Amino acid sequence: MGDHLAWFGLLADVGSSLSNFVGVFLLVYILLLFAYILSSWIRLPYNPWLNRIQRFLYDVCDPYLRIFRRFVPPIGPLDLSPMVAILVLGFGRGILISLLDRL
């Protein structure tokens, strides 16, 4: 009987750790999306380090944003797809965390 309780405790710990990992990972990705949006609004002077950071943000964020750019048309010069992408990621984060917490 005690052996079953140990396995249950181990599984609960794994579920909690997985929930924390997913939550932090998606939060960091949302912050990267905000950094990408801000870097696209502000014209920075050329600097090799800034260029590498902007390139990293583009490589990490643009594939996800392209999904939403197909469905959300720009309104004049305003591109609303990043806001929709962040909202979807935020809702998905909440759903995933609640599902993982139930495990």
Protein backbone atom coordinates (compact mmCIF):
# COMPACT_ATOMS: atom_id res chain seq x y z
CA MET A 1 0.00 0.00 0.00
CA GLY A 2 2.82 2.41 0.87
CA ASP A 3 4.45 1.70 -2.49
CA HIS A 4 1.33 2.93 -4.32
CA LEU A 5 1.32 6.13 -2.30
CA ALA A 6 4.96 6.73 -3.23
CA TRP A 7 4.16 6.35 -6.93
CA PHE A 8 1.18 8.68 -6.58
CA GLY A 9 3.37 11.27 -4.87
CA LEU A 10 6.01 10.95 -7.57
CA LEU A 11 3.42 11.39 -10.34
CA ALA A 12 1.92 14.40 -8.56
CA ASP A 13 5.40 15.93 -8.31
CA VAL A 14 6.07 15.30 -12.01
CA GLY A 15 2.72 16.87 -12.93
CA SER A 16 3.43 19.92 -10.80
CA SER A 17 6.93 20.30 -12.26
CA LEU A 18 5.59 19.93 -15.79
CA SER A 19 2.88 22.50 -15.11
CA ASN A 20 5.47 24.96 -13.76
CA PHE A 21 7.79 24.37 -16.72
CA VAL A 22 5.03 24.92 -19.30
CA GLY A 23 3.82 28.03 -17.47
CA VAL A 24 7.27 29.60 -17.30
CA PHE A 25 8.15 28.60 -20.88
CA LEU A 26 5.02 30.19 -22.31
CA LEU A 27 5.44 33.29 -20.15
CA VAL A 28 9.00 33.73 -21.45
CA TYR A 29 7.73 33.30 -25.02
CA ILE A 30 5.08 35.97 -24.43
CA LEU A 31 7.80 38.31 -23.14
CA LEU A 32 9.89 37.56 -26.24
CA LEU A 33 6.88 38.45 -28.39
CA PHE A 34 6.57 41.79 -26.56
CA ALA A 35 10.29 42.44 -27.09
CA TYR A 36 9.86 41.60 -30.80
CA ILE A 37 6.93 44.01 -31.11
CA LEU A 38 8.81 46.81 -29.34
CA SER A 39 11.93 46.26 -31.43
CA SER A 40 9.85 46.51 -34.60
CA TRP A 41 8.42 49.88 -33.50
CA ILE A 42 11.70 51.48 -32.45
CA ARG A 43 14.39 52.14 -35.03
CA LEU A 44 17.68 51.39 -33.29
CA PRO A 45 21.10 52.47 -34.52
CA TYR A 46 23.19 49.78 -36.11
CA ASN A 47 25.12 47.79 -33.58
CA PRO A 48 26.27 44.18 -34.10
CA TRP A 49 24.88 43.09 -30.70
CA LEU A 50 21.53 44.80 -31.22
CA ASN A 51 21.35 43.31 -34.69
CA ARG A 52 21.95 39.81 -33.28
CA ILE A 53 19.24 40.32 -30.66
CA GLN A 54 16.76 41.57 -33.27
CA ARG A 55 17.64 38.64 -35.53
CA PHE A 56 17.13 36.20 -32.64
CA LEU A 57 13.73 37.74 -31.84
CA TYR A 58 12.76 37.54 -35.51
CA ASP A 59 13.84 33.89 -35.81
CA VAL A 60 12.00 32.90 -32.62
CA CYS A 61 8.80 34.95 -32.95
CA ASP A 62 8.08 35.37 -36.65
CA PRO A 63 7.15 31.73 -37.44
CA TYR A 64 4.44 31.85 -34.74
CA LEU A 65 3.23 35.28 -35.83
CA ARG A 66 2.98 34.23 -39.49
CA ILE A 67 0.20 31.82 -38.52
CA PHE A 68 -1.93 34.74 -37.36
CA ARG A 69 -0.91 37.09 -40.16
CA ARG A 70 -2.67 34.72 -42.57
CA PHE A 71 -5.98 35.19 -40.77
CA VAL A 72 -5.81 38.71 -39.30
CA PRO A 73 -5.52 41.32 -42.02
CA PRO A 74 -3.69 44.56 -41.19
CA ILE A 75 -5.79 47.66 -40.63
CA GLY A 76 -3.88 50.23 -42.62
CA PRO A 77 -0.36 50.36 -41.18
CA LEU A 78 -1.48 48.63 -37.96
CA ASP A 79 -0.79 44.90 -37.68
CA LEU A 80 -3.07 43.36 -35.04
CA SER A 81 -1.80 39.80 -35.47
CA PRO A 82 0.77 40.06 -32.62
CA MET A 83 -1.98 41.05 -30.17
CA VAL A 84 -4.16 38.14 -31.29
CA ALA A 85 -1.16 35.79 -31.07
CA ILE A 86 -0.38 36.91 -27.51
CA LEU A 87 -4.03 36.54 -26.46
CA VAL A 88 -4.18 33.02 -27.93
CA LEU A 89 -0.92 32.10 -26.21
CA GLY A 90 -2.17 33.51 -22.90
CA PHE A 91 -5.44 31.57 -23.09
CA GLY A 92 -3.60 28.44 -24.19
CA ARG A 93 -1.20 28.84 -21.27
CA GLY A 94 -4.09 29.03 -18.82
CA ILE A 95 -5.80 25.99 -20.31
CA LEU A 96 -2.61 23.91 -20.39
CA ILE A 97 -1.71 24.78 -16.82
CA SER A 98 -5.20 23.92 -15.55
CA LEU A 99 -5.12 20.60 -17.43
CA LEU A 100 -1.65 19.73 -16.13
CA ASP A 101 -2.61 20.66 -12.59
CA ARG A 102 -5.45 18.12 -12.73
CA LEU A 103 -3.01 15.29 -13.49
